[in-house]
């Protein structure tokens, strides 16, 4: 499941990031802002109309992501976070 498919209020952890073929740099850009394996992530809100962009909390930071960027972030169930 990707972050683009999550429901508002759901909490997950980042499993991994898969960049689209046309934008391989997205993987590093998303990692730079905190989308790394084991980090907690929650979908806070969707833009109206159309649901784009998404308001996402990763760790202690909040970002707006385009739907295409959020689709790159693969999710795992809560409880699979990295140990501190």
PDB file of N, CA and C in Angstrom:
ATOM      1  N   UNK A   1       0.858  -1.174   0.000  1.00  0.00           N
ATOM      2  CA  UNK A   1       0.000   0.000   0.000  1.00  0.00           C
ATOM      3  C   UNK A   1       0.899   1.232   0.000  1.00  0.00           C
ATOM      4  N   UNK A   2       0.458   2.261  -0.707  1.00  0.00           N
ATOM      5  CA  UNK A   2       1.235   3.492  -0.731  1.00  0.00           C
ATOM      6  C   UNK A   2       0.559   4.564   0.124  1.00  0.00           C
ATOM      7  N   UNK A   3       1.301   5.599   0.429  1.00  0.00           N
ATOM      8  CA  UNK A   3       0.774   6.709   1.204  1.00  0.00           C
ATOM      9  C   UNK A   3      -0.383   7.391   0.470  1.00  0.00           C
ATOM     10  N   UNK A   4      -0.375   7.362  -0.841  1.00  0.00           N
ATOM     11  CA  UNK A   4      -1.463   7.952  -1.627  1.00  0.00           C
ATOM     12  C   UNK A   4      -2.787   7.235  -1.397  1.00  0.00           C
ATOM     13  N   UNK A   5      -2.741   5.964  -0.974  1.00  0.00           N
ATOM     14  CA  UNK A   5      -3.946   5.149  -0.754  1.00  0.00           C
ATOM     15  C   UNK A   5      -4.457   5.203   0.679  1.00  0.00           C
ATOM     16  N   UNK A   6      -3.700   5.811   1.579  1.00  0.00           N
ATOM     17  CA  UNK A   6      -4.073   5.832   2.998  1.00  0.00           C
ATOM     18  C   UNK A   6      -5.301   6.705   3.234  1.00  0.00           C
ATOM     19  N   UNK A   7      -5.999   6.412   4.308  1.00  0.00           N
ATOM     20  CA  UNK A   7      -7.140   7.221   4.721  1.00  0.00           C
ATOM     21  C   UNK A   7      -6.680   8.255   5.735  1.00  0.00           C
ATOM     22  N   UNK A   8      -7.351   9.388   5.751  1.00  0.00           N
ATOM     23  CA  UNK A   8      -7.017  10.442   6.715  1.00  0.00           C
ATOM     24  C   UNK A   8      -7.114   9.877   8.127  1.00  0.00           C
ATOM     25  N   UNK A   9      -6.081  10.129   8.919  1.00  0.00           N
ATOM     26  CA  UNK A   9      -6.041   9.674  10.305  1.00  0.00           C
ATOM     27  C   UNK A   9      -5.329   8.356  10.512  1.00  0.00           C
ATOM     28  N   UNK A  10      -5.104   7.604   9.452  1.00  0.00           N
ATOM     29  CA  UNK A  10      -4.405   6.326   9.594  1.00  0.00           C
ATOM     30  C   UNK A  10      -2.924   6.557   9.889  1.00  0.00           C
ATOM     31  N   UNK A  11      -2.369   5.687  10.711  1.00  0.00           N
ATOM     32  CA  UNK A  11      -0.952   5.759  11.066  1.00  0.00           C
ATOM     33  C   UNK A  11      -0.265   4.494  10.576  1.00  0.00           C
ATOM     34  N   UNK A  12       0.876   4.684   9.946  1.00  0.00           N
ATOM     35  CA  UNK A  12       1.679   3.587   9.412  1.00  0.00           C
ATOM     36  C   UNK A  12       3.140   3.857   9.724  1.00  0.00           C
ATOM     37  N   UNK A  13       4.001   2.988   9.213  1.00  0.00           N
ATOM     38  CA  UNK A  13       5.435   3.272   9.182  1.00  0.00           C
ATOM     39  C   UNK A  13       5.880   3.140   7.725  1.00  0.00           C
ATOM     40  N   UNK A  14       6.921   3.859   7.389  1.00  0.00           N
ATOM     41  CA  UNK A  14       7.468   3.789   6.039  1.00  0.00           C
ATOM     42  C   UNK A  14       8.168   2.446   5.880  1.00  0.00           C
ATOM     43  N   UNK A  15       7.804   1.731   4.845  1.00  0.00           N
ATOM     44  CA  UNK A  15       8.474   0.475   4.508  1.00  0.00           C
ATOM     45  C   UNK A  15       9.677   0.772   3.611  1.00  0.00           C
ATOM     46  N   UNK A  16       9.419   1.479   2.501  1.00  0.00           N
ATOM     47  CA  UNK A  16      10.475   1.877   1.576  1.00  0.00           C
ATOM     48  C   UNK A  16       9.905   2.902   0.605  1.00  0.00           C
ATOM     49  N   UNK A  17      10.777   3.489  -0.183  1.00  0.00           N
ATOM     50  CA  UNK A  17      10.371   4.484  -1.181  1.00  0.00           C
ATOM     51  C   UNK A  17      10.785   3.967  -2.551  1.00  0.00           C
ATOM     52  N   UNK A  18       9.866   4.064  -3.513  1.00  0.00           N
ATOM     53  CA  UNK A  18      10.131   3.642  -4.884  1.00  0.00           C
ATOM     54  C   UNK A  18       9.879   4.834  -5.793  1.00  0.00           C
ATOM     55  N   UNK A  19      10.934   5.352  -6.394  1.00  0.00           N
ATOM     56  CA  UNK A  19      10.800   6.510  -7.287  1.00  0.00           C
ATOM     57  C   UNK A  19      10.283   6.070  -8.650  1.00  0.00           C
ATOM     58  N   UNK A  20       9.506   6.929  -9.303  1.00  0.00           N
ATOM     59  CA  UNK A  20       9.040   6.586 -10.650  1.00  0.00           C
ATOM     60  C   UNK A  20      10.206   6.648 -11.645  1.00  0.00           C
ATOM     61  N   UNK A  21      10.137   5.902 -12.738  1.00  0.00           N
ATOM     62  CA  UNK A  21      11.228   5.881 -13.715  1.00  0.00           C
ATOM     63  C   UNK A  21      11.590   7.277 -14.245  1.00  0.00           C
ATOM     64  N   UNK A  22      10.610   8.129 -14.403  1.00  0.00           N
ATOM     65  CA  UNK A  22      10.864   9.467 -14.946  1.00  0.00           C
ATOM     66  C   UNK A  22      11.401  10.462 -13.944  1.00  0.00           C
ATOM     67  N   UNK A  23      11.461  10.090 -12.657  1.00  0.00           N
ATOM     68  CA  UNK A  23      11.933  11.010 -11.616  1.00  0.00           C
ATOM     69  C   UNK A  23      12.697  10.244 -10.544  1.00  0.00           C
ATOM     70  N   UNK A  24      13.831   9.629 -10.901  1.00  0.00           N
ATOM     71  CA  UNK A  24      14.564   8.829  -9.928  1.00  0.00           C
ATOM     72  C   UNK A  24      15.061   9.629  -8.720  1.00  0.00           C
ATOM     73  N   UNK A  25      15.205  10.930  -8.878  1.00  0.00           N
ATOM     74  CA  UNK A  25      15.682  11.782  -7.784  1.00  0.00           C
ATOM     75  C   UNK A  25      14.668  11.895  -6.646  1.00  0.00           C
ATOM     76  N   UNK A  26      13.408  11.556  -6.891  1.00  0.00           N
ATOM     77  CA  UNK A  26      12.387  11.651  -5.853  1.00  0.00           C
ATOM     78  C   UNK A  26      12.718  10.779  -4.654  1.00  0.00           C
ATOM     79  N   UNK A  27      13.315   9.626  -4.859  1.00  0.00           N
ATOM     80  CA  UNK A  27      13.637   8.734  -3.737  1.00  0.00           C
ATOM     81  C   UNK A  27      14.555   9.443  -2.749  1.00  0.00           C
ATOM     82  N   UNK A  28      15.586  10.082  -3.237  1.00  0.00           N
ATOM     83  CA  UNK A  28      16.508  10.783  -2.344  1.00  0.00           C
ATOM     84  C   UNK A  28      15.854  12.008  -1.722  1.00  0.00           C
ATOM     85  N   UNK A  29      15.054  12.736  -2.500  1.00  0.00           N
ATOM     86  CA  UNK A  29      14.378  13.922  -1.973  1.00  0.00           C
ATOM     87  C   UNK A  29      13.419  13.543  -0.843  1.00  0.00           C
ATOM     88  N   UNK A  30      12.684  12.465  -1.026  1.00  0.00           N
ATOM     89  CA  UNK A  30      11.769  12.015   0.027  1.00  0.00           C
ATOM     90  C   UNK A  30      12.538  11.535   1.255  1.00  0.00           C
ATOM     91  N   UNK A  31      13.643  10.852   1.044  1.00  0.00           N
ATOM     92  CA  UNK A  31      14.480  10.419   2.174  1.00  0.00           C
ATOM     93  C   UNK A  31      15.036  11.627   2.916  1.00  0.00           C
ATOM     94  N   UNK A  32      15.435  12.652   2.189  1.00  0.00           N
ATOM     95  CA  UNK A  32      16.000  13.863   2.798  1.00  0.00           C
ATOM     96  C   UNK A  32      15.024  14.559   3.745  1.00  0.00           C
ATOM     97  N   UNK A  33      13.733  14.451   3.459  1.00  0.00           N
ATOM     98  CA  UNK A  33      12.758  15.117   4.339  1.00  0.00           C
ATOM     99  C   UNK A  33      12.170  14.166   5.382  1.00  0.00           C
ATOM    100  N   UNK A  34      12.671  12.924   5.438  1.00  0.00           N
ATOM    101  CA  UNK A  34      12.287  12.050   6.538  1.00  0.00           C
ATOM    102  C   UNK A  34      11.559  10.776   6.189  1.00  0.00           C
ATOM    103  N   UNK A  35      11.284  10.530   4.917  1.00  0.00           N
ATOM    104  CA  UNK A  35      10.584   9.307   4.534  1.00  0.00           C
ATOM    105  C   UNK A  35      11.600   8.185   4.388  1.00  0.00           C
ATOM    106  N   UNK A  36      11.985   7.625   5.550  1.00  0.00           N
ATOM    107  CA  UNK A  36      12.957   6.542   5.594  1.00  0.00           C
ATOM    108  C   UNK A  36      12.311   5.338   6.290  1.00  0.00           C
ATOM    109  N   UNK A  37      12.799   4.172   5.986  1.00  0.00           N
ATOM    110  CA  UNK A  37      12.228   2.936   6.536  1.00  0.00           C
ATOM    111  C   UNK A  37      12.170   2.993   8.054  1.00  0.00           C
ATOM    112  N   UNK A  38      11.004   2.622   8.599  1.00  0.00           N
ATOM    113  CA  UNK A  38      10.806   2.570  10.040  1.00  0.00           C
ATOM    114  C   UNK A  38      10.233   3.841  10.645  1.00  0.00           C
ATOM    115  N   UNK A  39      10.159   4.923   9.881  1.00  0.00           N
ATOM    116  CA  UNK A  39       9.640   6.195  10.412  1.00  0.00           C
ATOM    117  C   UNK A  39       8.119   6.176  10.405  1.00  0.00           C
ATOM    118  N   UNK A  40       7.520   6.662  11.496  1.00  0.00           N
ATOM    119  CA  UNK A  40       6.052   6.733  11.578  1.00  0.00           C
ATOM    120  C   UNK A  40       5.543   7.814  10.632  1.00  0.00           C
ATOM    121  N   UNK A  41       4.406   7.532   9.986  1.00  0.00           N
ATOM    122  CA  UNK A  41       3.812   8.470   9.041  1.00  0.00           C
ATOM    123  C   UNK A  41       2.294   8.418   9.174  1.00  0.00           C
ATOM    124  N   UNK A  42       1.663   9.586   9.051  1.00  0.00           N
ATOM    125  CA  UNK A  42       0.198   9.665   9.130  1.00  0.00           C
ATOM    126  C   UNK A  42      -0.304  10.647   8.088  1.00  0.00           C
ATOM    127  N   UNK A  43      -1.408  10.303   7.465  1.00  0.00           N
ATOM    128  CA  UNK A  43      -2.077  11.214   6.542  1.00  0.00           C
ATOM    129  C   UNK A  43      -2.996  12.104   7.370  1.00  0.00           C
ATOM    130  N   UNK A  44      -2.747  13.401   7.332  1.00  0.00           N
ATOM    131  CA  UNK A  44      -3.491  14.361   8.149  1.00  0.00           C
ATOM    132  C   UNK A  44      -4.697  14.939   7.415  1.00  0.00           C
ATOM    133  N   UNK A  45      -4.561  15.192   6.098  1.00  0.00           N
ATOM    134  CA  UNK A  45      -5.654  15.797   5.330  1.00  0.00           C
ATOM    135  C   UNK A  45      -5.379  15.635   3.839  1.00  0.00           C
ATOM    136  N   UNK A  46      -6.441  15.756   3.073  1.00  0.00           N
ATOM    137  CA  UNK A  46      -6.357  15.765   1.608  1.00  0.00           C
ATOM    138  C   UNK A  46      -6.870  17.107   1.106  1.00  0.00           C
ATOM    139  N   UNK A  47      -6.244  17.606   0.055  1.00  0.00           N
ATOM    140  CA  UNK A  47      -6.682  18.857  -0.541  1.00  0.00           C
ATOM    141  C   UNK A  47      -8.053  18.706  -1.185  1.00  0.00           C
ATOM    142  N   UNK A  48      -8.749  19.820  -1.266  1.00  0.00           N
ATOM    143  CA  UNK A  48     -10.078  19.834  -1.888  1.00  0.00           C
ATOM    144  C   UNK A  48     -10.044  20.855  -3.014  1.00  0.00           C
ATOM    145  N   UNK A  49     -10.536  20.596  -4.164  1.00  0.00           N
ATOM    146  CA  UNK A  49     -11.121  19.335  -4.624  1.00  0.00           C
ATOM    147  C   UNK A  49     -10.054  18.395  -5.157  1.00  0.00           C
ATOM    148  N   UNK A  50     -10.396  17.153  -5.319  1.00  0.00           N
ATOM    149  CA  UNK A  50      -9.519  16.184  -5.963  1.00  0.00           C
ATOM    150  C   UNK A  50      -8.550  15.432  -5.070  1.00  0.00           C
ATOM    151  N   UNK A  51      -8.391  15.838  -3.806  1.00  0.00           N
ATOM    152  CA  UNK A  51      -7.536  15.114  -2.891  1.00  0.00           C
ATOM    153  C   UNK A  51      -6.043  15.363  -3.059  1.00  0.00           C
ATOM    154  N   UNK A  52      -5.674  16.419  -3.779  1.00  0.00           N
ATOM    155  CA  UNK A  52      -4.270  16.717  -4.024  1.00  0.00           C
ATOM    156  C   UNK A  52      -4.018  18.184  -3.711  1.00  0.00           C
ATOM    157  N   UNK A  53      -3.053  18.537  -2.893  1.00  0.00           N
ATOM    158  CA  UNK A  53      -2.014  17.726  -2.279  1.00  0.00           C
ATOM    159  C   UNK A  53      -2.489  17.059  -0.992  1.00  0.00           C
ATOM    160  N   UNK A  54      -1.596  16.256  -0.417  1.00  0.00           N
ATOM    161  CA  UNK A  54      -1.849  15.595   0.857  1.00  0.00           C
ATOM    162  C   UNK A  54      -1.059  16.299   1.949  1.00  0.00           C
ATOM    163  N   UNK A  55      -1.636  16.388   3.129  1.00  0.00           N
ATOM    164  CA  UNK A  55      -0.904  16.876   4.297  1.00  0.00           C
ATOM    165  C   UNK A  55      -0.491  15.637   5.078  1.00  0.00           C
ATOM    166  N   UNK A  56       0.818  15.484   5.258  1.00  0.00           N
ATOM    167  CA  UNK A  56       1.385  14.260   5.817  1.00  0.00           C
ATOM    168  C   UNK A  56       2.306  14.605   6.973  1.00  0.00           C
ATOM    169  N   UNK A  57       2.204  13.846   8.048  1.00  0.00           N
ATOM    170  CA  UNK A  57       3.148  13.973   9.158  1.00  0.00           C
ATOM    171  C   UNK A  57       4.071  12.775   9.113  1.00  0.00           C
ATOM    172  N   UNK A  58       5.363  13.058   9.088  1.00  0.00           N
ATOM    173  CA  UNK A  58       6.376  12.007   9.146  1.00  0.00           C
ATOM    174  C   UNK A  58       7.304  12.372  10.290  1.00  0.00           C
ATOM    175  N   UNK A  59       7.424  11.455  11.252  1.00  0.00           N
ATOM    176  CA  UNK A  59       8.176  11.786  12.455  1.00  0.00           C
ATOM    177  C   UNK A  59       7.505  12.953  13.161  1.00  0.00           C
ATOM    178  N   UNK A  60       8.247  14.018  13.402  1.00  0.00           N
ATOM    179  CA  UNK A  60       7.705  15.215  14.062  1.00  0.00           C
ATOM    180  C   UNK A  60       7.465  16.357  13.086  1.00  0.00           C
ATOM    181  N   UNK A  61       7.598  16.108  11.789  1.00  0.00           N
ATOM    182  CA  UNK A  61       7.453  17.150  10.768  1.00  0.00           C
ATOM    183  C   UNK A  61       6.180  16.948   9.961  1.00  0.00           C
ATOM    184  N   UNK A  62       5.644  18.053   9.446  1.00  0.00           N
ATOM    185  CA  UNK A  62       4.446  18.011   8.613  1.00  0.00           C
ATOM    186  C   UNK A  62       4.776  18.602   7.254  1.00  0.00           C
ATOM    187  N   UNK A  63       4.345  17.924   6.189  1.00  0.00           N
ATOM    188  CA  UNK A  63       4.636  18.335   4.818  1.00  0.00           C
ATOM    189  C   UNK A  63       3.386  18.233   3.962  1.00  0.00           C
ATOM    190  N   UNK A  64       3.391  18.988   2.866  1.00  0.00           N
ATOM    191  CA  UNK A  64       2.399  18.813   1.808  1.00  0.00           C
ATOM    192  C   UNK A  64       3.089  18.046   0.692  1.00  0.00           C
ATOM    193  N   UNK A  65       2.488  16.942   0.282  1.00  0.00           N
ATOM    194  CA  UNK A  65       3.040  16.140  -0.806  1.00  0.00           C
ATOM    195  C   UNK A  65       2.020  16.045  -1.924  1.00  0.00           C
ATOM    196  N   UNK A  66       2.517  16.071  -3.145  1.00  0.00           N
ATOM    197  CA  UNK A  66       1.640  15.789  -4.280  1.00  0.00           C
ATOM    198  C   UNK A  66       1.276  14.305  -4.245  1.00  0.00           C
ATOM    199  N   UNK A  67       0.144  13.989  -4.817  1.00  0.00           N
ATOM    200  CA  UNK A  67      -0.322  12.606  -4.861  1.00  0.00           C
ATOM    201  C   UNK A  67       0.721  11.696  -5.511  1.00  0.00           C
ATOM    202  N   UNK A  68       1.370  12.164  -6.568  1.00  0.00           N
ATOM    203  CA  UNK A  68       2.382  11.361  -7.259  1.00  0.00           C
ATOM    204  C   UNK A  68       3.571  11.067  -6.344  1.00  0.00           C
ATOM    205  N   UNK A  69       3.964  12.017  -5.509  1.00  0.00           N
ATOM    206  CA  UNK A  69       5.063  11.791  -4.564  1.00  0.00           C
ATOM    207  C   UNK A  69       4.639  10.801  -3.484  1.00  0.00           C
ATOM    208  N   UNK A  70       3.427  10.974  -2.970  1.00  0.00           N
ATOM    209  CA  UNK A  70       2.921  10.082  -1.924  1.00  0.00           C
ATOM    210  C   UNK A  70       2.811   8.646  -2.426  1.00  0.00           C
ATOM    211  N   UNK A  71       2.550   8.478  -3.709  1.00  0.00           N
ATOM    212  CA  UNK A  71       2.446   7.136  -4.283  1.00  0.00           C
ATOM    213  C   UNK A  71       3.785   6.400  -4.256  1.00  0.00           C
ATOM    214  N   UNK A  72       4.876   7.118  -4.098  1.00  0.00           N
ATOM    215  CA  UNK A  72       6.216   6.513  -4.031  1.00  0.00           C
ATOM    216  C   UNK A  72       6.525   5.928  -2.660  1.00  0.00           C
ATOM    217  N   UNK A  73       5.796   6.366  -1.637  1.00  0.00           N
ATOM    218  CA  UNK A  73       6.072   5.956  -0.259  1.00  0.00           C
ATOM    219  C   UNK A  73       5.244   4.722   0.058  1.00  0.00           C
ATOM    220  N   UNK A  74       5.916   3.597   0.258  1.00  0.00           N
ATOM    221  CA  UNK A  74       5.247   2.338   0.593  1.00  0.00           C
ATOM    222  C   UNK A  74       5.147   2.218   2.106  1.00  0.00           C
ATOM    223  N   UNK A  75       4.028   1.674   2.574  1.00  0.00           N
ATOM    224  CA  UNK A  75       3.722   1.649   4.000  1.00  0.00           C
ATOM    225  C   UNK A  75       3.693   0.237   4.570  1.00  0.00           C
ATOM    226  N   UNK A  76       3.958   0.166   5.865  1.00  0.00           N
ATOM    227  CA  UNK A  76       3.855  -1.075   6.633  1.00  0.00           C
ATOM    228  C   UNK A  76       2.955  -0.782   7.828  1.00  0.00           C
ATOM    229  N   UNK A  77       2.402  -1.803   8.467  1.00  0.00           N
ATOM    230  CA  UNK A  77       1.537  -1.591   9.630  1.00  0.00           C
ATOM    231  C   UNK A  77       2.297  -0.955  10.796  1.00  0.00           C
ATOM    232  N   UNK A  78       1.576  -0.240  11.658  1.00  0.00           N
ATOM    233  CA  UNK A  78       2.226   0.298  12.853  1.00  0.00           C
ATOM    234  C   UNK A  78       2.811  -0.837  13.693  1.00  0.00           C
ATOM    235  N   UNK A  79       3.832  -0.514  14.471  1.00  0.00           N
ATOM    236  CA  UNK A  79       4.477  -1.529  15.293  1.00  0.00           C
ATOM    237  C   UNK A  79       5.712  -2.105  14.639  1.00  0.00           C
ATOM    238  N   UNK A  80       6.019  -1.660  13.413  1.00  0.00           N
ATOM    239  CA  UNK A  80       7.221  -2.146  12.736  1.00  0.00           C
ATOM    240  C   UNK A  80       8.286  -1.051  12.649  1.00  0.00           C
ATOM    241  N   UNK A  81       8.196  -0.061  13.565  1.00  0.00           N
ATOM    242  CA  UNK A  81       9.173   1.020  13.586  1.00  0.00           C
ATOM    243  C   UNK A  81      10.544   0.487  13.985  1.00  0.00           C
ATOM    244  N   UNK A  82      11.556   1.233  13.566  1.00  0.00           N
ATOM    245  CA  UNK A  82      12.920   0.895  13.983  1.00  0.00           C
ATOM    246  C   UNK A  82      13.072   1.185  15.469  1.00  0.00           C
ATOM    247  N   UNK A  83      13.845   0.382  16.154  1.00  0.00           N
ATOM    248  CA  UNK A  83      14.083   0.598  17.590  1.00  0.00           C
ATOM    249  C   UNK A  83      14.910   1.861  17.787  1.00  0.00           C
ATOM    250  N   UNK A  84      14.626   2.635  18.867  1.00  0.00           N
ATOM    251  CA  UNK A  84      15.387   3.876  19.096  1.00  0.00           C
ATOM    252  C   UNK A  84      16.824   3.617  19.451  1.00  0.00           C
TER     253      UNK A  84
END
